[in-house]
Amino acid sequence: MHKVLPDDIVRVDDDIYSVSGSNTNWVIIKDGDSCTLIDTGYPADHTTLLASLDAVGLAPAAVAAILVTHAHNDHIGSAERLRVGHGTPVLMHEDEVPHARRDYLDQVSVGQVLAQAWRPGVLPWAVHALRAGGTTPVPVHGPRPFPTPGALDLPGTPVPVHTPGHTKGHCAYLLPASGILVSGDALVTAHPTSRLAGPQLLPDMFHTDRARALASLAVIEGVDADVVVPGHGPLHRGSAKDAAATAREHAER
């Protein structure tokens, strides 16, 4: 099995791990011999994903559910493989279900990327994304909406936090017992196409609705968390409120 480098896995809290794949992070929330997996990276990250589970003492069959922040290729790359191979439920906000099925694809297009190719970092990122499976068809054929409102009966007792804008059904996840917010792409801390470091929105071309993405920062500000684990970039040790305020300041300049 492909090995995960030590720096690729960060122990955020007692049995909660953030794993860096191909410019994208996923999160493992372990509870004994089971876990919740938030996102799965690019399609090309599959062996790294399996290796990260193995590194924390888990088999793929131990994943109780995959929680999807949003259905872009760099976040659902292995979701269908785990669903088919191990019967793993793939859960998300109801507004993201048709996107995950690929009833439509709400993702930055090659044309939009080429139009921004003059910006620093965009072309190298695009080449990397293509090699990692950024345009590979990865529909989830059996996506499920959250079964009930509020906290989910899964390891970590995650609470979905609807943060639309990046996509219509984007969700962050609060882990209330540990004060951790997994923010997906509603708030990141770095990206190869951005010159900024620290809490920020992704560049405009990546959002379905930038105005709603900006508005969702107010939702994040109201979350009681003192660690933010983003979909891209290193984790942020500091309040979600302050992180969202910093991201807004950058976005409004």
C-alpha atoms as a PDB file:
ATOM      1  CA  MET A   1       0.000   0.000   0.000  1.00  0.00           C
ATOM      2  CA  HIS A   2       1.129   3.555  -0.749  1.00  0.00           C
ATOM      3  CA  LYS A   3       2.656   5.141   2.339  1.00  0.00           C
ATOM      4  CA  VAL A   4       1.522   8.423   3.811  1.00  0.00           C
ATOM      5  CA  LEU A   5       4.304  10.802   4.748  1.00  0.00           C
ATOM      6  CA  PRO A   6       4.331  11.779   8.443  1.00  0.00           C
ATOM      7  CA  ASP A   7       3.734  15.433   7.579  1.00  0.00           C
ATOM      8  CA  ASP A   8       0.622  14.490   5.581  1.00  0.00           C
ATOM      9  CA  ILE A   9      -1.309  13.507   8.728  1.00  0.00           C
ATOM     10  CA  VAL A  10      -1.928  16.069  11.447  1.00  0.00           C
ATOM     11  CA  ARG A  11      -3.450  14.962  14.716  1.00  0.00           C
ATOM     12  CA  VAL A  12      -5.919  17.745  15.384  1.00  0.00           C
ATOM     13  CA  ASP A  13      -7.287  16.283  18.585  1.00  0.00           C
ATOM     14  CA  ASP A  14      -7.439  12.881  20.319  1.00  0.00           C
ATOM     15  CA  ASP A  15      -8.622  10.668  17.430  1.00  0.00           C
ATOM     16  CA  ILE A  16      -9.286  13.419  14.881  1.00  0.00           C
ATOM     17  CA  TYR A  17      -6.868  13.636  11.983  1.00  0.00           C
ATOM     18  CA  SER A  18      -6.501  15.999   9.040  1.00  0.00           C
ATOM     19  CA  VAL A  19      -4.829  14.422   6.008  1.00  0.00           C
ATOM     20  CA  SER A  20      -3.282  16.329   3.104  1.00  0.00           C
ATOM     21  CA  GLY A  21      -3.715  14.794  -0.337  1.00  0.00           C
ATOM     22  CA  SER A  22      -3.279  16.462  -3.727  1.00  0.00           C
ATOM     23  CA  ASN A  23      -3.781  20.060  -2.570  1.00  0.00           C
ATOM     24  CA  THR A  24      -6.931  18.906  -0.754  1.00  0.00           C
ATOM     25  CA  ASN A  25      -7.584  17.760   2.808  1.00  0.00           C
ATOM     26  CA  TRP A  26      -9.868  15.106   4.253  1.00  0.00           C
ATOM     27  CA  VAL A  27     -10.620  14.393   7.904  1.00  0.00           C
ATOM     28  CA  ILE A  28     -10.763  11.116   9.826  1.00  0.00           C
ATOM     29  CA  ILE A  29     -12.793  11.100  13.058  1.00  0.00           C
ATOM     30  CA  LYS A  30     -11.953   7.874  14.833  1.00  0.00           C
ATOM     31  CA  ASP A  31     -14.046   6.207  17.518  1.00  0.00           C
ATOM     32  CA  GLY A  32     -12.643   2.831  18.509  1.00  0.00           C
ATOM     33  CA  ASP A  33     -12.650   0.589  15.456  1.00  0.00           C
ATOM     34  CA  SER A  34     -14.934   2.883  13.456  1.00  0.00           C
ATOM     35  CA  CYS A  35     -14.703   6.371  11.967  1.00  0.00           C
ATOM     36  CA  THR A  36     -16.422   9.147  10.110  1.00  0.00           C
ATOM     37  CA  LEU A  37     -14.625  10.337   6.984  1.00  0.00           C
ATOM     38  CA  ILE A  38     -15.182  13.907   5.821  1.00  0.00           C
ATOM     39  CA  ASP A  39     -14.369  14.165   2.090  1.00  0.00           C
ATOM     40  CA  THR A  40     -12.055  11.854   0.136  1.00  0.00           C
ATOM     41  CA  GLY A  41      -9.716  13.987  -1.999  1.00  0.00           C
ATOM     42  CA  TYR A  42      -9.133  13.691  -5.736  1.00  0.00           C
ATOM     43  CA  PRO A  43      -9.626  10.392  -7.627  1.00  0.00           C
ATOM     44  CA  ALA A  44      -5.829  10.006  -7.732  1.00  0.00           C
ATOM     45  CA  ASP A  45      -5.708  10.233  -3.926  1.00  0.00           C
ATOM     46  CA  HIS A  46      -7.400   6.863  -3.470  1.00  0.00           C
ATOM     47  CA  THR A  47      -4.326   4.889  -2.415  1.00  0.00           C
ATOM     48  CA  THR A  48      -3.243   7.736  -0.136  1.00  0.00           C
ATOM     49  CA  LEU A  49      -6.701   7.794   1.416  1.00  0.00           C
ATOM     50  CA  LEU A  50      -6.547   4.069   2.150  1.00  0.00           C
ATOM     51  CA  ALA A  51      -3.024   4.472   3.524  1.00  0.00           C
ATOM     52  CA  SER A  52      -4.173   7.277   5.838  1.00  0.00           C
ATOM     53  CA  LEU A  53      -6.888   5.033   7.264  1.00  0.00           C
ATOM     54  CA  ASP A  54      -4.326   2.267   7.754  1.00  0.00           C
ATOM     55  CA  ALA A  55      -1.932   4.707   9.451  1.00  0.00           C
ATOM     56  CA  VAL A  56      -4.494   5.385  12.188  1.00  0.00           C
ATOM     57  CA  GLY A  57      -5.372   1.704  12.573  1.00  0.00           C
ATOM     58  CA  LEU A  58      -8.500   1.475  10.430  1.00  0.00           C
ATOM     59  CA  ALA A  59      -9.606  -0.575   7.434  1.00  0.00           C
ATOM     60  CA  PRO A  60     -11.800   0.887   4.663  1.00  0.00           C
ATOM     61  CA  ALA A  61     -14.726  -1.172   5.936  1.00  0.00           C
ATOM     62  CA  ALA A  62     -14.465   0.697   9.253  1.00  0.00           C
ATOM     63  CA  VAL A  63     -15.758   3.934   7.708  1.00  0.00           C
ATOM     64  CA  ALA A  64     -19.266   4.346   9.142  1.00  0.00           C
ATOM     65  CA  ALA A  65     -20.103   7.103   6.654  1.00  0.00           C
ATOM     66  CA  ILE A  66     -18.547   9.615   4.303  1.00  0.00           C
ATOM     67  CA  LEU A  67     -19.703  13.170   4.916  1.00  0.00           C
ATOM     68  CA  VAL A  68     -19.332  15.369   1.849  1.00  0.00           C
ATOM     69  CA  THR A  69     -18.659  19.083   2.225  1.00  0.00           C
ATOM     70  CA  HIS A  70     -19.461  19.494  -1.469  1.00  0.00           C
ATOM     71  CA  ALA A  71     -19.379  17.403  -4.613  1.00  0.00           C
ATOM     72  CA  HIS A  72     -16.391  18.792  -6.492  1.00  0.00           C
ATOM     73  CA  ASN A  73     -14.006  16.182  -7.881  1.00  0.00           C
ATOM     74  CA  ASP A  74     -11.253  17.042  -5.421  1.00  0.00           C
ATOM     75  CA  HIS A  75     -13.548  16.197  -2.496  1.00  0.00           C
ATOM     76  CA  ILE A  76     -15.498  13.129  -3.697  1.00  0.00           C
ATOM     77  CA  GLY A  77     -12.776  11.357  -5.649  1.00  0.00           C
ATOM     78  CA  SER A  78     -13.097   8.048  -3.748  1.00  0.00           C
ATOM     79  CA  ALA A  79     -16.646   8.328  -2.407  1.00  0.00           C
ATOM     80  CA  GLU A  80     -18.244   6.038  -4.980  1.00  0.00           C
ATOM     81  CA  ARG A  81     -15.432   3.485  -4.740  1.00  0.00           C
ATOM     82  CA  LEU A  82     -15.976   3.171  -0.995  1.00  0.00           C
ATOM     83  CA  ARG A  83     -19.759   3.117  -1.401  1.00  0.00           C
ATOM     84  CA  VAL A  84     -19.625   0.293  -3.941  1.00  0.00           C
ATOM     85  CA  GLY A  85     -16.734  -1.624  -2.402  1.00  0.00           C
ATOM     86  CA  HIS A  86     -17.766  -1.439   1.257  1.00  0.00           C
ATOM     87  CA  GLY A  87     -21.362  -0.242   1.344  1.00  0.00           C
ATOM     88  CA  THR A  88     -20.280   3.041   2.916  1.00  0.00           C
ATOM     89  CA  PRO A  89     -23.122   5.592   3.100  1.00  0.00           C
ATOM     90  CA  VAL A  90     -22.290   8.899   1.406  1.00  0.00           C
ATOM     91  CA  LEU A  91     -24.154  11.725   3.153  1.00  0.00           C
ATOM     92  CA  MET A  92     -24.531  15.418   2.307  1.00  0.00           C
ATOM     93  CA  HIS A  93     -26.930  18.357   2.349  1.00  0.00           C
ATOM     94  CA  GLU A  94     -30.053  17.690   0.308  1.00  0.00           C
ATOM     95  CA  ASP A  95     -29.149  20.506  -2.108  1.00  0.00           C
ATOM     96  CA  GLU A  96     -25.862  18.757  -2.920  1.00  0.00           C
ATOM     97  CA  VAL A  97     -27.391  15.350  -3.708  1.00  0.00           C
ATOM     98  CA  PRO A  98     -28.188  16.050  -7.398  1.00  0.00           C
ATOM     99  CA  HIS A  99     -24.752  17.596  -7.825  1.00  0.00           C
ATOM    100  CA  ALA A 100     -23.085  14.462  -6.430  1.00  0.00           C
ATOM    101  CA  ARG A 101     -25.161  12.305  -8.796  1.00  0.00           C
ATOM    102  CA  ARG A 102     -23.938  14.571 -11.612  1.00  0.00           C
ATOM    103  CA  ASP A 103     -27.430  15.575 -12.636  1.00  0.00           C
ATOM    104  CA  TYR A 104     -25.387  18.709 -13.315  1.00  0.00           C
ATOM    105  CA  LEU A 105     -21.771  19.718 -12.743  1.00  0.00           C
ATOM    106  CA  ASP A 106     -21.277  22.957 -10.869  1.00  0.00           C
ATOM    107  CA  GLN A 107     -17.494  23.167 -11.020  1.00  0.00           C
ATOM    108  CA  VAL A 108     -14.994  25.594 -12.526  1.00  0.00           C
ATOM    109  CA  SER A 109     -14.658  24.829 -16.245  1.00  0.00           C
ATOM    110  CA  VAL A 110     -11.478  24.437 -18.270  1.00  0.00           C
ATOM    111  CA  GLY A 111     -12.454  27.607 -20.138  1.00  0.00           C
ATOM    112  CA  GLN A 112     -12.788  29.581 -16.914  1.00  0.00           C
ATOM    113  CA  VAL A 113      -9.393  28.349 -15.771  1.00  0.00           C
ATOM    114  CA  LEU A 114      -7.763  29.253 -19.094  1.00  0.00           C
ATOM    115  CA  ALA A 115      -9.246  32.733 -18.884  1.00  0.00           C
ATOM    116  CA  GLN A 116      -7.365  33.148 -15.582  1.00  0.00           C
ATOM    117  CA  ALA A 117      -4.186  31.450 -16.787  1.00  0.00           C
ATOM    118  CA  TRP A 118      -2.264  34.713 -16.637  1.00  0.00           C
ATOM    119  CA  ARG A 119      -2.602  34.775 -12.861  1.00  0.00           C
ATOM    120  CA  PRO A 120       0.337  33.387 -10.854  1.00  0.00           C
ATOM    121  CA  GLY A 121      -0.103  29.755  -9.863  1.00  0.00           C
ATOM    122  CA  VAL A 122      -3.158  29.024 -12.012  1.00  0.00           C
ATOM    123  CA  LEU A 123      -1.515  26.991 -14.795  1.00  0.00           C
ATOM    124  CA  PRO A 124       0.626  24.821 -12.474  1.00  0.00           C
ATOM    125  CA  TRP A 125      -2.453  24.177 -10.332  1.00  0.00           C
ATOM    126  CA  ALA A 126      -4.529  23.291 -13.413  1.00  0.00           C
ATOM    127  CA  VAL A 127      -1.939  20.794 -14.664  1.00  0.00           C
ATOM    128  CA  HIS A 128      -1.785  19.212 -11.219  1.00  0.00           C
ATOM    129  CA  ALA A 129      -5.586  19.079 -10.960  1.00  0.00           C
ATOM    130  CA  LEU A 130      -5.918  17.375 -14.339  1.00  0.00           C
ATOM    131  CA  ARG A 131      -3.318  14.771 -13.391  1.00  0.00           C
ATOM    132  CA  ALA A 132      -5.098  14.151 -10.089  1.00  0.00           C
ATOM    133  CA  GLY A 133      -8.437  13.501 -11.805  1.00  0.00           C
ATOM    134  CA  GLY A 134     -10.033  16.928 -11.720  1.00  0.00           C
ATOM    135  CA  THR A 135     -12.073  16.192 -14.843  1.00  0.00           C
ATOM    136  CA  THR A 136     -12.531  12.432 -14.315  1.00  0.00           C
ATOM    137  CA  PRO A 137     -16.213  11.439 -14.035  1.00  0.00           C
ATOM    138  CA  VAL A 138     -16.786  10.436 -10.386  1.00  0.00           C
ATOM    139  CA  PRO A 139     -20.560  10.545  -9.818  1.00  0.00           C
ATOM    140  CA  VAL A 140     -21.941   9.112  -6.583  1.00  0.00           C
ATOM    141  CA  HIS A 141     -24.804   6.875  -7.661  1.00  0.00           C
ATOM    142  CA  GLY A 142     -26.368   6.534  -4.233  1.00  0.00           C
ATOM    143  CA  PRO A 143     -25.875   9.831  -2.390  1.00  0.00           C
ATOM    144  CA  ARG A 144     -28.068  10.395   0.637  1.00  0.00           C
ATOM    145  CA  PRO A 145     -29.306  13.562   2.327  1.00  0.00           C
ATOM    146  CA  PHE A 146     -28.741  13.828   6.060  1.00  0.00           C
ATOM    147  CA  PRO A 147     -31.281  11.529   7.749  1.00  0.00           C
ATOM    148  CA  THR A 148     -32.287  14.044  10.437  1.00  0.00           C
ATOM    149  CA  PRO A 149     -31.667  17.716  11.243  1.00  0.00           C
ATOM    150  CA  GLY A 150     -28.906  18.542  13.685  1.00  0.00           C
ATOM    151  CA  ALA A 151     -26.192  16.253  15.034  1.00  0.00           C
ATOM    152  CA  LEU A 152     -25.583  13.000  13.181  1.00  0.00           C
ATOM    153  CA  ASP A 153     -25.359   9.639  14.928  1.00  0.00           C
ATOM    154  CA  LEU A 154     -21.810   8.984  13.743  1.00  0.00           C
ATOM    155  CA  PRO A 155     -18.337   9.000  15.299  1.00  0.00           C
ATOM    156  CA  GLY A 156     -17.647  12.545  16.465  1.00  0.00           C
ATOM    157  CA  THR A 157     -21.361  13.428  16.484  1.00  0.00           C
ATOM    158  CA  PRO A 158     -20.803  15.910  13.628  1.00  0.00           C
ATOM    159  CA  VAL A 159     -23.258  18.754  13.162  1.00  0.00           C
ATOM    160  CA  PRO A 160     -23.769  19.887   9.537  1.00  0.00           C
ATOM    161  CA  VAL A 161     -23.514  23.647   9.032  1.00  0.00           C
ATOM    162  CA  HIS A 162     -25.030  24.745   5.726  1.00  0.00           C
ATOM    163  CA  THR A 163     -22.627  27.236   4.143  1.00  0.00           C
ATOM    164  CA  PRO A 164     -23.775  27.715   0.532  1.00  0.00           C
ATOM    165  CA  GLY A 165     -22.034  29.777  -2.091  1.00  0.00           C
ATOM    166  CA  HIS A 166     -19.078  27.668  -3.117  1.00  0.00           C
ATOM    167  CA  THR A 167     -21.806  25.235  -4.167  1.00  0.00           C
ATOM    168  CA  LYS A 168     -25.522  25.343  -3.409  1.00  0.00           C
ATOM    169  CA  GLY A 169     -25.391  22.554  -0.856  1.00  0.00           C
ATOM    170  CA  HIS A 170     -21.954  23.149   0.659  1.00  0.00           C
ATOM    171  CA  CYS A 171     -21.743  22.119   4.320  1.00  0.00           C
ATOM    172  CA  ALA A 172     -19.140  22.594   6.972  1.00  0.00           C
ATOM    173  CA  TYR A 173     -19.163  20.217   9.959  1.00  0.00           C
ATOM    174  CA  LEU A 174     -18.871  21.134  13.617  1.00  0.00           C
ATOM    175  CA  LEU A 175     -17.427  18.578  16.024  1.00  0.00           C
ATOM    176  CA  PRO A 176     -18.911  20.060  19.204  1.00  0.00           C
ATOM    177  CA  ALA A 177     -17.126  17.928  21.798  1.00  0.00           C
ATOM    178  CA  SER A 178     -13.716  19.024  20.529  1.00  0.00           C
ATOM    179  CA  GLY A 179     -14.522  22.534  19.288  1.00  0.00           C
ATOM    180  CA  ILE A 180     -13.392  21.784  15.740  1.00  0.00           C
ATOM    181  CA  LEU A 181     -14.992  23.115  12.568  1.00  0.00           C
ATOM    182  CA  VAL A 182     -14.263  21.276   9.320  1.00  0.00           C
ATOM    183  CA  SER A 183     -14.893  24.139   6.925  1.00  0.00           C
ATOM    184  CA  GLY A 184     -14.466  22.506   3.524  1.00  0.00           C
ATOM    185  CA  ASP A 185     -14.182  25.202   0.863  1.00  0.00           C
ATOM    186  CA  ALA A 186     -16.403  27.730   2.657  1.00  0.00           C
ATOM    187  CA  LEU A 187     -13.204  28.976   4.301  1.00  0.00           C
ATOM    188  CA  VAL A 188      -9.663  27.886   3.400  1.00  0.00           C
ATOM    189  CA  THR A 189      -6.213  28.903   4.606  1.00  0.00           C
ATOM    190  CA  ALA A 190      -4.200  28.544   1.389  1.00  0.00           C
ATOM    191  CA  HIS A 191      -4.517  27.533  -2.265  1.00  0.00           C
ATOM    192  CA  PRO A 192      -1.973  27.270  -5.093  1.00  0.00           C
ATOM    193  CA  THR A 193      -3.882  29.935  -7.049  1.00  0.00           C
ATOM    194  CA  SER A 194      -3.943  32.414  -4.161  1.00  0.00           C
ATOM    195  CA  ARG A 195      -1.186  34.734  -2.983  1.00  0.00           C
ATOM    196  CA  LEU A 196      -2.755  34.971   0.459  1.00  0.00           C
ATOM    197  CA  ALA A 197      -1.856  32.945   3.534  1.00  0.00           C
ATOM    198  CA  GLY A 198      -4.306  32.365   6.355  1.00  0.00           C
ATOM    199  CA  PRO A 199      -8.123  32.381   6.473  1.00  0.00           C
ATOM    200  CA  GLN A 200      -9.664  33.387   3.145  1.00  0.00           C
ATOM    201  CA  LEU A 201     -12.257  32.605   0.508  1.00  0.00           C
ATOM    202  CA  LEU A 202     -11.090  30.745  -2.557  1.00  0.00           C
ATOM    203  CA  PRO A 203     -10.551  32.891  -5.673  1.00  0.00           C
ATOM    204  CA  ASP A 204     -13.796  33.999  -7.304  1.00  0.00           C
ATOM    205  CA  MET A 205     -13.726  31.555 -10.237  1.00  0.00           C
ATOM    206  CA  PHE A 206     -14.234  28.618  -7.890  1.00  0.00           C
ATOM    207  CA  HIS A 207     -17.550  29.783  -6.405  1.00  0.00           C
ATOM    208  CA  THR A 208     -21.017  29.103  -7.793  1.00  0.00           C
ATOM    209  CA  ASP A 209     -22.263  32.256  -6.058  1.00  0.00           C
ATOM    210  CA  ARG A 210     -19.590  34.469  -4.516  1.00  0.00           C
ATOM    211  CA  ALA A 211     -22.116  36.700  -2.760  1.00  0.00           C
ATOM    212  CA  ARG A 212     -23.565  33.688  -0.937  1.00  0.00           C
ATOM    213  CA  ALA A 213     -20.067  32.410  -0.153  1.00  0.00           C
ATOM    214  CA  LEU A 214     -19.292  35.771   1.426  1.00  0.00           C
ATOM    215  CA  ALA A 215     -22.592  35.684   3.333  1.00  0.00           C
ATOM    216  CA  SER A 216     -21.788  32.209   4.657  1.00  0.00           C
ATOM    217  CA  LEU A 217     -18.808  33.649   6.502  1.00  0.00           C
ATOM    218  CA  ALA A 218     -21.369  35.135   8.906  1.00  0.00           C
ATOM    219  CA  VAL A 219     -22.615  31.594   9.575  1.00  0.00           C
ATOM    220  CA  ILE A 220     -19.066  30.460  10.321  1.00  0.00           C
ATOM    221  CA  GLU A 221     -18.575  33.465  12.623  1.00  0.00           C
ATOM    222  CA  GLY A 222     -21.446  32.187  14.747  1.00  0.00           C
ATOM    223  CA  VAL A 223     -19.978  28.708  15.221  1.00  0.00           C
ATOM    224  CA  ASP A 224     -18.404  27.937  18.594  1.00  0.00           C
ATOM    225  CA  ALA A 225     -15.102  26.421  17.496  1.00  0.00           C
ATOM    226  CA  ASP A 226     -11.485  27.214  18.317  1.00  0.00           C
ATOM    227  CA  VAL A 227      -9.883  25.117  15.553  1.00  0.00           C
ATOM    228  CA  VAL A 228     -10.735  25.285  11.858  1.00  0.00           C
ATOM    229  CA  VAL A 229      -9.738  22.453   9.509  1.00  0.00           C
ATOM    230  CA  PRO A 230     -10.116  23.730   5.931  1.00  0.00           C
ATOM    231  CA  GLY A 231     -10.491  21.883   2.642  1.00  0.00           C
ATOM    232  CA  HIS A 232      -7.281  23.520   1.415  1.00  0.00           C
ATOM    233  CA  GLY A 233      -4.303  24.717   3.424  1.00  0.00           C
ATOM    234  CA  PRO A 234      -3.066  24.067   6.973  1.00  0.00           C
ATOM    235  CA  LEU A 235      -5.373  23.931   9.957  1.00  0.00           C
ATOM    236  CA  HIS A 236      -6.090  27.169  11.791  1.00  0.00           C
ATOM    237  CA  ARG A 237      -5.770  27.152  15.568  1.00  0.00           C
ATOM    238  CA  GLY A 238      -7.947  30.079  16.557  1.00  0.00           C
ATOM    239  CA  SER A 239     -11.633  30.837  16.753  1.00  0.00           C
ATOM    240  CA  ALA A 240     -13.927  30.304  13.785  1.00  0.00           C
ATOM    241  CA  LYS A 241     -15.256  33.794  14.453  1.00  0.00           C
ATOM    242  CA  ASP A 242     -11.844  35.409  13.985  1.00  0.00           C
ATOM    243  CA  ALA A 243     -11.001  33.217  10.994  1.00  0.00           C
ATOM    244  CA  ALA A 244     -14.219  34.210   9.217  1.00  0.00           C
ATOM    245  CA  ALA A 245     -13.633  37.892  10.009  1.00  0.00           C
ATOM    246  CA  THR A 246     -10.140  37.684   8.504  1.00  0.00           C
ATOM    247  CA  ALA A 247     -11.490  35.970   5.395  1.00  0.00           C
ATOM    248  CA  ARG A 248     -14.120  38.700   5.003  1.00  0.00           C
ATOM    249  CA  GLU A 249     -11.489  41.436   5.314  1.00  0.00           C
ATOM    250  CA  HIS A 250      -9.454  39.847   2.510  1.00  0.00           C
ATOM    251  CA  ALA A 251     -12.545  39.340   0.336  1.00  0.00           C
ATOM    252  CA  GLU A 252     -13.774  42.917   0.675  1.00  0.00           C
ATOM    253  CA  ARG A 253     -10.476  44.572  -0.230  1.00  0.00           C
END
